[in-house]
PDB file of N, CA and C in Angstrom:
ATOM      1  N   MET A   1       0.840  -1.177   0.000  1.00  0.00           N
ATOM      2  CA  MET A   1       0.000   0.000   0.000  1.00  0.00           C
ATOM      3  C   MET A   1       0.890   1.247   0.000  1.00  0.00           C
ATOM      4  N   SER A   2       0.596   2.191  -0.875  1.00  0.00           N
ATOM      5  CA  SER A   2       1.422   3.385  -0.957  1.00  0.00           C
ATOM      6  C   SER A   2       0.909   4.460  -0.009  1.00  0.00           C
ATOM      7  N   GLN A   3       1.811   5.337   0.360  1.00  0.00           N
ATOM      8  CA  GLN A   3       1.502   6.466   1.219  1.00  0.00           C
ATOM      9  C   GLN A   3       1.603   7.721   0.368  1.00  0.00           C
ATOM     10  N   LEU A   4       0.633   8.618   0.482  1.00  0.00           N
ATOM     11  CA  LEU A   4       0.645   9.858  -0.286  1.00  0.00           C
ATOM     12  C   LEU A   4       0.892  11.034   0.636  1.00  0.00           C
ATOM     13  N   TYR A   5       1.739  11.943   0.170  1.00  0.00           N
ATOM     14  CA  TYR A   5       2.035  13.163   0.911  1.00  0.00           C
ATOM     15  C   TYR A   5       1.969  14.334  -0.058  1.00  0.00           C
ATOM     16  N   PHE A   6       1.513  15.461   0.448  1.00  0.00           N
ATOM     17  CA  PHE A   6       1.406  16.675  -0.353  1.00  0.00           C
ATOM     18  C   PHE A   6       2.228  17.772   0.299  1.00  0.00           C
ATOM     19  N   PHE A   7       2.907  18.568  -0.535  1.00  0.00           N
ATOM     20  CA  PHE A   7       3.720  19.659   0.000  1.00  0.00           C
ATOM     21  C   PHE A   7       3.961  20.711  -1.072  1.00  0.00           C
ATOM     22  N   ARG A   8       4.313  21.900  -0.624  1.00  0.00           N
ATOM     23  CA  ARG A   8       4.737  22.981  -1.511  1.00  0.00           C
ATOM     24  C   ARG A   8       6.255  23.061  -1.460  1.00  0.00           C
ATOM     25  N   ALA A   9       6.858  23.326  -2.597  1.00  0.00           N
ATOM     26  CA  ALA A   9       8.322  23.455  -2.651  1.00  0.00           C
ATOM     27  C   ALA A   9       8.685  24.776  -3.312  1.00  0.00           C
ATOM     28  N   PHE A  10       9.627  25.463  -2.678  1.00  0.00           N
ATOM     29  CA  PHE A  10      10.172  26.716  -3.205  1.00  0.00           C
ATOM     30  C   PHE A  10      11.681  26.628  -3.055  1.00  0.00           C
ATOM     31  N   VAL A  11      12.363  26.385  -4.162  1.00  0.00           N
ATOM     32  CA  VAL A  11      13.822  26.270  -4.163  1.00  0.00           C
ATOM     33  C   VAL A  11      14.352  27.344  -5.114  1.00  0.00           C
ATOM     34  N   SER A  12      15.245  28.174  -4.626  1.00  0.00           N
ATOM     35  CA  SER A  12      15.759  29.291  -5.424  1.00  0.00           C
ATOM     36  C   SER A  12      16.632  28.790  -6.579  1.00  0.00           C
ATOM     37  N   VAL A  13      16.809  29.671  -7.544  1.00  0.00           N
ATOM     38  CA  VAL A  13      17.709  29.378  -8.667  1.00  0.00           C
ATOM     39  C   VAL A  13      19.117  29.132  -8.133  1.00  0.00           C
ATOM     40  N   GLU A  14      19.520  29.913  -7.133  1.00  0.00           N
ATOM     41  CA  GLU A  14      20.857  29.763  -6.561  1.00  0.00           C
ATOM     42  C   GLU A  14      21.041  28.376  -5.937  1.00  0.00           C
ATOM     43  N   ASP A  15      20.025  27.885  -5.241  1.00  0.00           N
ATOM     44  CA  ASP A  15      20.123  26.544  -4.660  1.00  0.00           C
ATOM     45  C   ASP A  15      20.140  25.470  -5.744  1.00  0.00           C
ATOM     46  N   CYS A  16      19.428  25.690  -6.838  1.00  0.00           N
ATOM     47  CA  CYS A  16      19.483  24.742  -7.958  1.00  0.00           C
ATOM     48  C   CYS A  16      20.879  24.728  -8.568  1.00  0.00           C
ATOM     49  N   GLU A  17      21.483  25.895  -8.681  1.00  0.00           N
ATOM     50  CA  GLU A  17      22.852  25.963  -9.197  1.00  0.00           C
ATOM     51  C   GLU A  17      23.813  25.232  -8.259  1.00  0.00           C
ATOM     52  N   ARG A  18      23.599  25.362  -6.962  1.00  0.00           N
ATOM     53  CA  ARG A  18      24.442  24.674  -5.983  1.00  0.00           C
ATOM     54  C   ARG A  18      24.316  23.159  -6.142  1.00  0.00           C
ATOM     55  N   TYR A  19      23.141  22.679  -6.545  1.00  0.00           N
ATOM     56  CA  TYR A  19      22.966  21.247  -6.810  1.00  0.00           C
ATOM     57  C   TYR A  19      23.885  20.822  -7.962  1.00  0.00           C
ATOM     58  N   TYR A  20      23.868  21.583  -9.047  1.00  0.00           N
ATOM     59  CA  TYR A  20      24.689  21.235 -10.207  1.00  0.00           C
ATOM     60  C   TYR A  20      26.179  21.360  -9.926  1.00  0.00           C
ATOM     61  N   GLN A  21      26.535  22.148  -8.930  1.00  0.00           N
ATOM     62  CA  GLN A  21      27.938  22.279  -8.515  1.00  0.00           C
ATOM     63  C   GLN A  21      28.333  21.189  -7.516  1.00  0.00           C
ATOM     64  N   GLY A  22      27.367  20.370  -7.123  1.00  0.00           N
ATOM     65  CA  GLY A  22      27.654  19.280  -6.188  1.00  0.00           C
ATOM     66  C   GLY A  22      27.624  19.679  -4.731  1.00  0.00           C
ATOM     67  N   GLN A  23      27.152  20.888  -4.434  1.00  0.00           N
ATOM     68  CA  GLN A  23      27.123  21.379  -3.063  1.00  0.00           C
ATOM     69  C   GLN A  23      25.852  20.999  -2.321  1.00  0.00           C
ATOM     70  N   VAL A  24      24.790  20.702  -3.042  1.00  0.00           N
ATOM     71  CA  VAL A  24      23.499  20.340  -2.445  1.00  0.00           C
ATOM     72  C   VAL A  24      23.073  19.003  -3.034  1.00  0.00           C
ATOM     73  N   ILE A  25      22.733  18.048  -2.177  1.00  0.00           N
ATOM     74  CA  ILE A  25      22.297  16.746  -2.702  1.00  0.00           C
ATOM     75  C   ILE A  25      20.918  16.341  -2.177  1.00  0.00           C
ATOM     76  N   GLN A  26      20.422  17.043  -1.166  1.00  0.00           N
ATOM     77  CA  GLN A  26      19.142  16.696  -0.558  1.00  0.00           C
ATOM     78  C   GLN A  26      18.220  17.906  -0.486  1.00  0.00           C
ATOM     79  N   VAL A  27      16.922  17.639  -0.501  1.00  0.00           N
ATOM     80  CA  VAL A  27      15.896  18.647  -0.266  1.00  0.00           C
ATOM     81  C   VAL A  27      15.056  18.140   0.894  1.00  0.00           C
ATOM     82  N   ILE A  28      14.817  18.995   1.866  1.00  0.00           N
ATOM     83  CA  ILE A  28      13.952  18.625   2.990  1.00  0.00           C
ATOM     84  C   ILE A  28      12.653  19.388   2.828  1.00  0.00           C
ATOM     85  N   VAL A  29      11.549  18.648   2.802  1.00  0.00           N
ATOM     86  CA  VAL A  29      10.227  19.264   2.662  1.00  0.00           C
ATOM     87  C   VAL A  29       9.396  18.933   3.891  1.00  0.00           C
ATOM     88  N   THR A  30       8.426  19.780   4.149  1.00  0.00           N
ATOM     89  CA  THR A  30       7.459  19.520   5.218  1.00  0.00           C
ATOM     90  C   THR A  30       6.107  19.312   4.559  1.00  0.00           C
ATOM     91  N   THR A  31       5.532  18.143   4.774  1.00  0.00           N
ATOM     92  CA  THR A  31       4.257  17.807   4.145  1.00  0.00           C
ATOM     93  C   THR A  31       3.116  18.533   4.843  1.00  0.00           C
ATOM     94  N   GLU A  32       1.964  18.524   4.214  1.00  0.00           N
ATOM     95  CA  GLU A  32       0.774  19.120   4.822  1.00  0.00           C
ATOM     96  C   GLU A  32       0.423  18.442   6.147  1.00  0.00           C
ATOM     97  N   GLN A  33       0.859  17.185   6.304  1.00  0.00           N
ATOM     98  CA  GLN A  33       0.603  16.442   7.539  1.00  0.00           C
ATOM     99  C   GLN A  33       1.598  16.811   8.635  1.00  0.00           C
ATOM    100  N   GLY A  34       2.574  17.661   8.305  1.00  0.00           N
ATOM    101  CA  GLY A  34       3.577  18.083   9.276  1.00  0.00           C
ATOM    102  C   GLY A  34       4.804  17.190   9.344  1.00  0.00           C
ATOM    103  N   LEU A  35       4.900  16.230   8.458  1.00  0.00           N
ATOM    104  CA  LEU A  35       6.032  15.305   8.425  1.00  0.00           C
ATOM    105  C   LEU A  35       7.164  15.912   7.606  1.00  0.00           C
ATOM    106  N   ARG A  36       8.376  15.862   8.136  1.00  0.00           N
ATOM    107  CA  ARG A  36       9.553  16.323   7.383  1.00  0.00           C
ATOM    108  C   ARG A  36      10.156  15.133   6.651  1.00  0.00           C
ATOM    109  N   ILE A  37      10.339  15.301   5.341  1.00  0.00           N
ATOM    110  CA  ILE A  37      10.870  14.232   4.505  1.00  0.00           C
ATOM    111  C   ILE A  37      12.080  14.758   3.752  1.00  0.00           C
ATOM    112  N   GLN A  38      13.155  13.987   3.750  1.00  0.00           N
ATOM    113  CA  GLN A  38      14.379  14.335   3.032  1.00  0.00           C
ATOM    114  C   GLN A  38      14.426  13.513   1.753  1.00  0.00           C
ATOM    115  N   LEU A  39      14.573  14.212   0.630  1.00  0.00           N
ATOM    116  CA  LEU A  39      14.584  13.563  -0.680  1.00  0.00           C
ATOM    117  C   LEU A  39      15.838  13.953  -1.449  1.00  0.00           C
ATOM    118  N   PRO A  40      16.374  13.040  -2.234  1.00  0.00           N
ATOM    119  CA  PRO A  40      17.494  13.407  -3.106  1.00  0.00           C
ATOM    120  C   PRO A  40      17.058  14.494  -4.098  1.00  0.00           C
ATOM    121  N   PHE A  41      17.886  15.497  -4.265  1.00  0.00           N
ATOM    122  CA  PHE A  41      17.583  16.612  -5.162  1.00  0.00           C
ATOM    123  C   PHE A  41      17.320  16.119  -6.577  1.00  0.00           C
ATOM    124  N   LYS A  42      17.957  15.022  -6.959  1.00  0.00           N
ATOM    125  CA  LYS A  42      17.825  14.534  -8.339  1.00  0.00           C
ATOM    126  C   LYS A  42      16.373  14.284  -8.752  1.00  0.00           C
ATOM    127  N   TYR A  43      15.500  13.985  -7.795  1.00  0.00           N
ATOM    128  CA  TYR A  43      14.094  13.748  -8.124  1.00  0.00           C
ATOM    129  C   TYR A  43      13.371  15.026  -8.529  1.00  0.00           C
ATOM    130  N   PHE A  44      13.932  16.179  -8.182  1.00  0.00           N
ATOM    131  CA  PHE A  44      13.319  17.461  -8.517  1.00  0.00           C
ATOM    132  C   PHE A  44      13.827  18.030  -9.839  1.00  0.00           C
ATOM    133  N   ARG A  45      14.818  17.393 -10.432  1.00  0.00           N
ATOM    134  CA  ARG A  45      15.409  17.916 -11.677  1.00  0.00           C
ATOM    135  C   ARG A  45      14.384  18.194 -12.772  1.00  0.00           C
ATOM    136  N   PRO A  46      13.376  17.338 -12.990  1.00  0.00           N
ATOM    137  CA  PRO A  46      12.412  17.632 -14.064  1.00  0.00           C
ATOM    138  C   PRO A  46      11.578  18.893 -13.807  1.00  0.00           C
ATOM    139  N   PHE A  47      11.592  19.392 -12.590  1.00  0.00           N
ATOM    140  CA  PHE A  47      10.737  20.519 -12.225  1.00  0.00           C
ATOM    141  C   PHE A  47      11.500  21.842 -12.120  1.00  0.00           C
ATOM    142  N   ILE A  48      12.791  21.839 -12.450  1.00  0.00           N
ATOM    143  CA  ILE A  48      13.589  23.060 -12.381  1.00  0.00           C
ATOM    144  C   ILE A  48      13.263  23.947 -13.582  1.00  0.00           C
ATOM    145  N   SER A  49      12.970  25.206 -13.289  1.00  0.00           N
ATOM    146  CA  SER A  49      12.727  26.195 -14.345  1.00  0.00           C
ATOM    147  C   SER A  49      13.661  27.377 -14.125  1.00  0.00           C
ATOM    148  N   LYS A  50      13.505  28.423 -14.907  1.00  0.00           N
ATOM    149  CA  LYS A  50      14.400  29.564 -14.745  1.00  0.00           C
ATOM    150  C   LYS A  50      14.157  30.337 -13.457  1.00  0.00           C
ATOM    151  N   VAL A  51      13.104  30.013 -12.722  1.00  0.00           N
ATOM    152  CA  VAL A  51      12.863  30.635 -11.407  1.00  0.00           C
ATOM    153  C   VAL A  51      13.188  29.670 -10.267  1.00  0.00           C
ATOM    154  N   GLY A  52      13.772  28.541 -10.599  1.00  0.00           N
ATOM    155  CA  GLY A  52      14.079  27.519  -9.591  1.00  0.00           C
ATOM    156  C   GLY A  52      12.999  26.455  -9.590  1.00  0.00           C
ATOM    157  N   ILE A  53      12.616  26.022  -8.405  1.00  0.00           N
ATOM    158  CA  ILE A  53      11.531  25.039  -8.271  1.00  0.00           C
ATOM    159  C   ILE A  53      10.420  25.698  -7.472  1.00  0.00           C
ATOM    160  N   ARG A  54       9.241  25.740  -8.068  1.00  0.00           N
ATOM    161  CA  ARG A  54       8.078  26.326  -7.422  1.00  0.00           C
ATOM    162  C   ARG A  54       6.902  25.414  -7.713  1.00  0.00           C
ATOM    163  N   GLY A  55       6.117  25.086  -6.701  1.00  0.00           N
ATOM    164  CA  GLY A  55       4.916  24.321  -6.980  1.00  0.00           C
ATOM    165  C   GLY A  55       4.402  23.510  -5.811  1.00  0.00           C
ATOM    166  N   TYR A  56       3.300  22.871  -6.103  1.00  0.00           N
ATOM    167  CA  TYR A  56       2.598  22.000  -5.165  1.00  0.00           C
ATOM    168  C   TYR A  56       2.799  20.572  -5.681  1.00  0.00           C
ATOM    169  N   PHE A  57       3.265  19.677  -4.814  1.00  0.00           N
ATOM    170  CA  PHE A  57       3.678  18.344  -5.238  1.00  0.00           C
ATOM    171  C   PHE A  57       2.938  17.240  -4.483  1.00  0.00           C
ATOM    172  N   ARG A  58       2.839  16.099  -5.152  1.00  0.00           N
ATOM    173  CA  ARG A  58       2.320  14.877  -4.527  1.00  0.00           C
ATOM    174  C   ARG A  58       3.450  13.854  -4.551  1.00  0.00           C
ATOM    175  N   LEU A  59       3.738  13.312  -3.392  1.00  0.00           N
ATOM    176  CA  LEU A  59       4.792  12.311  -3.226  1.00  0.00           C
ATOM    177  C   LEU A  59       4.141  10.986  -2.861  1.00  0.00           C
ATOM    178  N   SER A  60       4.487   9.948  -3.586  1.00  0.00           N
ATOM    179  CA  SER A  60       3.974   8.609  -3.315  1.00  0.00           C
ATOM    180  C   SER A  60       5.136   7.722  -2.890  1.00  0.00           C
ATOM    181  N   LEU A  61       5.012   7.113  -1.702  1.00  0.00           N
ATOM    182  CA  LEU A  61       6.028   6.197  -1.185  1.00  0.00           C
ATOM    183  C   LEU A  61       5.425   4.807  -1.054  1.00  0.00           C
ATOM    184  N   ASP A  62       6.238   3.772  -1.254  1.00  0.00           N
ATOM    185  CA  ASP A  62       5.742   2.407  -1.054  1.00  0.00           C
ATOM    186  C   ASP A  62       5.722   2.098   0.441  1.00  0.00           C
ATOM    187  N   SER A  63       5.320   0.898   0.789  1.00  0.00           N
ATOM    188  CA  SER A  63       5.179   0.518   2.197  1.00  0.00           C
ATOM    189  C   SER A  63       6.517   0.486   2.937  1.00  0.00           C
ATOM    190  N   ASN A  64       7.623   0.472   2.189  1.00  0.00           N
ATOM    191  CA  ASN A  64       8.967   0.507   2.790  1.00  0.00           C
ATOM    192  C   ASN A  64       9.547   1.918   2.840  1.00  0.00           C
ATOM    193  N   GLY A  65       8.754   2.908   2.443  1.00  0.00           N
ATOM    194  CA  GLY A  65       9.215   4.289   2.465  1.00  0.00           C
ATOM    195  C   GLY A  65      10.040   4.692   1.259  1.00  0.00           C
ATOM    196  N   ARG A  66      10.055   3.864   0.220  1.00  0.00           N
ATOM    197  CA  ARG A  66      10.811   4.187  -0.995  1.00  0.00           C
ATOM    198  C   ARG A  66       9.937   4.986  -1.960  1.00  0.00           C
ATOM    199  N   LEU A  67      10.574   5.937  -2.631  1.00  0.00           N
ATOM    200  CA  LEU A  67       9.845   6.782  -3.558  1.00  0.00           C
ATOM    201  C   LEU A  67       9.279   5.968  -4.717  1.00  0.00           C
ATOM    202  N   GLN A  68       7.998   6.132  -4.958  1.00  0.00           N
ATOM    203  CA  GLN A  68       7.368   5.535  -6.129  1.00  0.00           C
ATOM    204  C   GLN A  68       7.186   6.587  -7.213  1.00  0.00           C
ATOM    205  N   ARG A  69       6.756   7.787  -6.768  1.00  0.00           N
ATOM    206  CA  ARG A  69       6.461   8.822  -7.758  1.00  0.00           C
ATOM    207  C   ARG A  69       6.455  10.198  -7.089  1.00  0.00           C
ATOM    208  N   LEU A  70       6.966  11.179  -7.817  1.00  0.00           N
ATOM    209  CA  LEU A  70       6.896  12.564  -7.402  1.00  0.00           C
ATOM    210  C   LEU A  70       6.256  13.329  -8.553  1.00  0.00           C
ATOM    211  N   GLU A  71       5.123  13.972  -8.266  1.00  0.00           N
ATOM    212  CA  GLU A  71       4.401  14.681  -9.313  1.00  0.00           C
ATOM    213  C   GLU A  71       4.185  16.128  -8.921  1.00  0.00           C
ATOM    214  N   LYS A  72       4.336  17.013  -9.880  1.00  0.00           N
ATOM    215  CA  LYS A  72       3.973  18.411  -9.655  1.00  0.00           C
ATOM    216  C   LYS A  72       2.508  18.560 -10.011  1.00  0.00           C
ATOM    217  N   ILE A  73       1.721  19.008  -9.051  1.00  0.00           N
ATOM    218  CA  ILE A  73       0.278  19.148  -9.266  1.00  0.00           C
ATOM    219  C   ILE A  73      -0.037  20.537  -9.819  1.00  0.00           C
ATOM    220  N   SER A  74       0.611  21.539  -9.273  1.00  0.00           N
ATOM    221  CA  SER A  74       0.419  22.914  -9.775  1.00  0.00           C
ATOM    222  C   SER A  74       1.595  23.779  -9.405  1.00  0.00           C
TER     223      SER A  74
END
């Protein structure tokens, strides 16, 4: 059974650049349920734009806590 979490993410362009320089490897988000989750930055790569990362996301984890899917909802 998968677990669903929803959160907003705001990552600056500068922090995205730091990822590509190898200085940042993790993103910590706080879900609407109040849970803090640490995710590898690489999962956010498809969502990087010229303003960084902005949006509302749905995170799906399997029963072992492994990422199944990360989707940008808006």
